[in-house]
């Protein structure tokens, strides 16, 4: 998942809140560069989630984005997803890495302090995620996530994903931390968002930040 400039990661919303998530996801992915799509279970039972995840995973993979399943490793394996997202403790992450990392991406969330992040990082996940699903309702990214993302990007080789806010401008703020990936959900999937236009605009902001950084280095 390494990249030369910050890239987008989409987090799919609860289907109970956004019933047309599959259509929105397809439109978003057709509009521009997206590295991966994280698909949380949002409390669904396993059978229901498996059907839902299979649909969204297929849309992501067809568009060339990695599909990452959060909350249900067995579902990820059954549907042929590209990876799993573990938002738990070190024991759960170690177990997931032992069982699945030889054939799938295994990423880690759940780090809200440097100490926890370093502990999880010792397990060597494929990425570290700073943020919480569903907590991007305010325009700005959470300051803690920006701080952790900046520190991690400067100190640790494992790539990180930082959660943006609900405002498009927050995508650029995350990119300025040096994080490899910026995660968005509300920006793309909120009721008043145009998913395709949001992805186009977000990628433009990422290009602008990368260009500005290159000029500074020159």
Protein backbone atom coordinates (compact mmCIF):
# COMPACT_ATOMS: atom_id res chain seq x y z
CA UNK A 1 0.00 0.00 0.00
CA UNK A 2 3.00 2.33 -0.27
CA UNK A 3 2.46 5.46 -2.33
CA UNK A 4 4.32 8.55 -3.49
CA UNK A 5 1.54 10.95 -2.57
CA UNK A 6 -1.36 10.79 -0.18
CA UNK A 7 -4.20 8.72 -1.63
CA UNK A 8 -7.86 8.29 -0.81
CA UNK A 9 -9.39 5.51 1.26
CA UNK A 10 -13.19 5.33 1.31
CA UNK A 11 -15.09 4.06 4.34
CA UNK A 12 -18.52 2.82 3.39
CA UNK A 13 -21.42 4.03 5.56
CA UNK A 14 -24.11 2.09 7.38
CA UNK A 15 -26.59 0.84 4.78
CA UNK A 16 -29.39 1.67 7.25
CA UNK A 17 -28.38 5.33 6.90
CA UNK A 18 -27.33 5.32 3.23
CA UNK A 19 -29.42 2.67 1.44
CA UNK A 20 -27.90 3.42 -1.98
CA UNK A 21 -24.31 2.96 -0.80
CA UNK A 22 -23.48 0.51 -3.63
CA UNK A 23 -24.49 2.99 -6.31
CA UNK A 24 -22.68 5.83 -4.57
CA UNK A 25 -19.55 3.72 -4.21
CA UNK A 26 -19.57 2.81 -7.90
CA UNK A 27 -19.93 6.47 -8.88
CA UNK A 28 -17.14 7.48 -6.52
CA UNK A 29 -14.71 4.87 -7.81
CA UNK A 30 -15.36 5.77 -11.43
CA UNK A 31 -14.47 9.40 -10.74
CA UNK A 32 -10.84 9.16 -9.71
CA UNK A 33 -8.02 7.50 -7.83
CA UNK A 34 -8.99 5.49 -4.74
CA UNK A 35 -6.46 3.20 -3.08
CA UNK A 36 -8.84 1.10 -1.03
CA UNK A 37 -12.33 0.76 0.39
CA UNK A 38 -12.88 -0.19 4.04
CA UNK A 39 -16.24 -1.90 4.58
CA UNK A 40 -17.34 -1.96 8.26
CA UNK A 41 -20.01 -4.40 9.42
CA UNK A 42 -21.96 -1.67 11.28
CA UNK A 43 -23.49 -4.26 13.61
CA UNK A 44 -25.04 -6.46 10.91
CA UNK A 45 -25.40 -10.18 11.53
CA UNK A 46 -22.79 -12.24 9.71
CA UNK A 47 -25.02 -13.59 6.91
CA UNK A 48 -26.46 -10.20 6.07
CA UNK A 49 -23.06 -8.59 6.19
CA UNK A 50 -21.51 -11.23 3.98
CA UNK A 51 -23.99 -10.48 1.18
CA UNK A 52 -23.53 -6.73 1.63
CA UNK A 53 -19.74 -6.94 1.80
CA UNK A 54 -19.55 -9.20 -1.25
CA UNK A 55 -21.42 -6.61 -3.31
CA UNK A 56 -19.29 -3.68 -2.19
CA UNK A 57 -16.05 -5.64 -2.36
CA UNK A 58 -16.80 -6.64 -5.93
CA UNK A 59 -17.44 -3.02 -6.90
CA UNK A 60 -14.17 -1.94 -5.30
CA UNK A 61 -12.06 -4.68 -6.87
CA UNK A 62 -13.54 -4.16 -10.32
CA UNK A 63 -12.45 -0.52 -10.09
CA UNK A 64 -8.93 -1.48 -9.03
CA UNK A 65 -9.27 -0.55 -5.35
CA UNK A 66 -8.40 -2.95 -2.54
CA UNK A 67 -11.39 -4.11 -0.50
CA UNK A 68 -10.81 -4.30 3.26
CA UNK A 69 -13.39 -5.84 5.56
CA UNK A 70 -13.72 -4.48 9.10
CA UNK A 71 -15.21 -6.50 11.92
CA UNK A 72 -15.56 -9.88 10.21
CA UNK A 73 -12.33 -11.65 9.18
CA UNK A 74 -14.15 -14.85 8.21
CA UNK A 75 -16.40 -12.91 5.87
CA UNK A 76 -13.34 -11.34 4.26
CA UNK A 77 -11.85 -14.77 3.61
CA UNK A 78 -15.10 -16.20 2.24
CA UNK A 79 -15.78 -13.43 -0.25
CA UNK A 80 -12.20 -13.09 -1.49
CA UNK A 81 -11.61 -9.60 -0.16
CA UNK A 82 -8.13 -8.12 -0.33
CA UNK A 83 -7.77 -7.60 3.39
CA UNK A 84 -9.17 -7.11 6.85
CA UNK A 85 -9.20 -4.18 9.24
CA UNK A 86 -8.77 -5.00 12.92
CA UNK A 87 -10.05 -2.32 15.29
CA UNK A 88 -9.18 -4.16 18.46
CA UNK A 89 -6.42 -4.92 20.95
CA UNK A 90 -2.97 -6.39 20.41
CA UNK A 91 -4.18 -9.94 21.02
CA UNK A 92 -6.83 -9.63 18.29
CA UNK A 93 -4.34 -8.08 15.90
CA UNK A 94 -1.72 -10.76 16.56
CA UNK A 95 -4.33 -13.45 15.94
CA UNK A 96 -5.47 -11.86 12.68
CA UNK A 97 -1.90 -11.46 11.44
CA UNK A 98 -1.11 -15.07 12.28
CA UNK A 99 -4.16 -16.38 10.45
CA UNK A 100 -4.47 -14.06 7.47
CA UNK A 101 -1.42 -11.90 6.70
CA UNK A 102 0.15 -14.56 4.50
CA UNK A 103 -2.72 -14.08 2.02
CA UNK A 104 -4.40 -10.77 2.80
CA UNK A 105 -3.67 -7.23 3.91
CA UNK A 106 -4.11 -6.89 7.68
CA UNK A 107 -4.48 -3.33 8.95
CA UNK A 108 -4.84 -2.01 12.48
CA UNK A 109 -7.06 0.62 14.02
CA UNK A 110 -7.86 1.42 17.63
CA UNK A 111 -4.74 3.44 18.48
CA UNK A 112 -5.63 6.61 20.39
CA UNK A 113 -2.26 7.19 22.07
CA UNK A 114 1.36 6.88 20.97
CA UNK A 115 1.99 4.02 23.37
CA UNK A 116 -0.92 1.98 22.01
CA UNK A 117 0.10 2.77 18.44
CA UNK A 118 3.65 1.58 19.07
CA UNK A 119 2.40 -1.60 20.74
CA UNK A 120 0.14 -2.39 17.78
CA UNK A 121 2.90 -1.45 15.37
CA UNK A 122 5.20 -4.06 16.90
CA UNK A 123 2.86 -6.68 15.43
CA UNK A 124 3.78 -5.37 11.96
CA UNK A 125 0.33 -4.71 10.47
CA UNK A 126 0.27 -3.52 6.87
CA UNK A 127 -1.04 -0.11 7.93
CA UNK A 128 -2.10 1.87 10.99
CA UNK A 129 -5.40 3.74 11.01
CA UNK A 130 -5.92 6.85 13.13
CA UNK A 131 -9.57 7.70 13.62
CA UNK A 132 -12.93 6.08 14.31
CA UNK A 133 -15.54 4.98 11.81
CA UNK A 134 -18.57 7.26 11.94
CA UNK A 135 -16.79 10.03 13.84
CA UNK A 136 -16.15 12.32 10.88
CA UNK A 137 -19.29 14.41 11.39
CA UNK A 138 -17.45 17.67 12.11
CA UNK A 139 -15.73 19.69 9.37
CA UNK A 140 -12.22 19.39 10.81
CA UNK A 141 -10.27 16.18 11.38
CA UNK A 142 -9.91 15.29 15.05
CA UNK A 143 -6.76 17.05 16.34
CA UNK A 144 -5.57 13.84 17.99
CA UNK A 145 -5.67 12.01 14.68
CA UNK A 146 -3.68 14.75 12.95
CA UNK A 147 -1.10 14.74 15.74
CA UNK A 148 -0.74 10.96 15.76
CA UNK A 149 -0.63 10.82 11.97
CA UNK A 150 2.10 13.46 11.76
CA UNK A 151 4.19 11.72 14.42
CA UNK A 152 3.71 8.26 12.90
CA UNK A 153 4.50 9.38 9.35
CA UNK A 154 7.75 10.97 10.53
CA UNK A 155 8.90 8.12 12.77
CA UNK A 156 7.52 4.79 11.52
CA UNK A 157 7.87 3.02 8.16
CA UNK A 158 4.49 1.28 8.33
CA UNK A 159 2.03 3.37 6.26
CA UNK A 160 -0.77 5.19 8.05
CA UNK A 161 -4.31 6.24 7.22
CA UNK A 162 -5.72 9.33 8.92
CA UNK A 163 -9.44 10.07 9.11
CA UNK A 164 -10.52 13.36 7.56
CA UNK A 165 -13.49 15.46 8.63
CA UNK A 166 -16.77 16.13 6.86
CA UNK A 167 -15.43 19.13 4.94
CA UNK A 168 -13.52 18.63 1.72
CA UNK A 169 -10.76 20.99 2.89
CA UNK A 170 -9.90 18.53 5.65
CA UNK A 171 -8.52 16.14 3.01
CA UNK A 172 -5.71 18.57 2.34
CA UNK A 173 -5.03 19.04 6.04
CA UNK A 174 -4.53 15.31 6.46
CA UNK A 175 -2.24 15.15 3.44
CA UNK A 176 -0.06 17.85 4.97
CA UNK A 177 0.72 15.52 7.90
CA UNK A 178 2.75 13.30 5.59
CA UNK A 179 0.31 10.38 5.99
CA UNK A 180 0.25 7.99 3.07
CA UNK A 181 -3.56 7.78 3.02
CA UNK A 182 -6.54 9.93 3.97
CA UNK A 183 -9.82 8.24 4.86
CA UNK A 184 -13.14 9.86 3.98
CA UNK A 185 -16.74 8.86 4.44
CA UNK A 186 -19.01 11.86 5.05
CA UNK A 187 -17.23 13.80 2.30
CA UNK A 188 -18.39 11.21 -0.23
CA UNK A 189 -21.44 9.50 1.28
CA UNK A 190 -23.37 12.20 3.15
CA UNK A 191 -26.92 12.86 1.95
CA UNK A 192 -26.04 16.08 0.15
CA UNK A 193 -22.74 14.87 -1.36
CA UNK A 194 -22.15 14.13 -5.03
CA UNK A 195 -19.92 11.06 -4.64
CA UNK A 196 -18.18 11.42 -7.99
CA UNK A 197 -17.55 15.14 -7.65
CA UNK A 198 -16.29 14.65 -4.10
CA UNK A 199 -13.68 12.12 -5.23
CA UNK A 200 -12.57 14.34 -8.10
CA UNK A 201 -12.24 17.35 -5.81
CA UNK A 202 -10.48 15.37 -3.09
CA UNK A 203 -7.91 14.05 -5.54
CA UNK A 204 -7.29 17.56 -6.81
CA UNK A 205 -6.56 18.71 -3.27
CA UNK A 206 -4.16 15.83 -2.81
CA UNK A 207 -2.39 16.76 -6.04
CA UNK A 208 -2.15 20.37 -4.88
CA UNK A 209 -0.60 19.38 -1.55
CA UNK A 210 1.87 17.06 -3.28
CA UNK A 211 2.85 19.83 -5.73
CA UNK A 212 3.32 22.35 -2.94
CA UNK A 213 5.46 19.88 -1.00
CA UNK A 214 7.62 19.20 -4.07
CA UNK A 215 8.18 22.92 -4.58
CA UNK A 216 9.22 23.32 -0.95
CA UNK A 217 11.72 20.49 -1.24
CA UNK A 218 13.19 21.99 -4.40
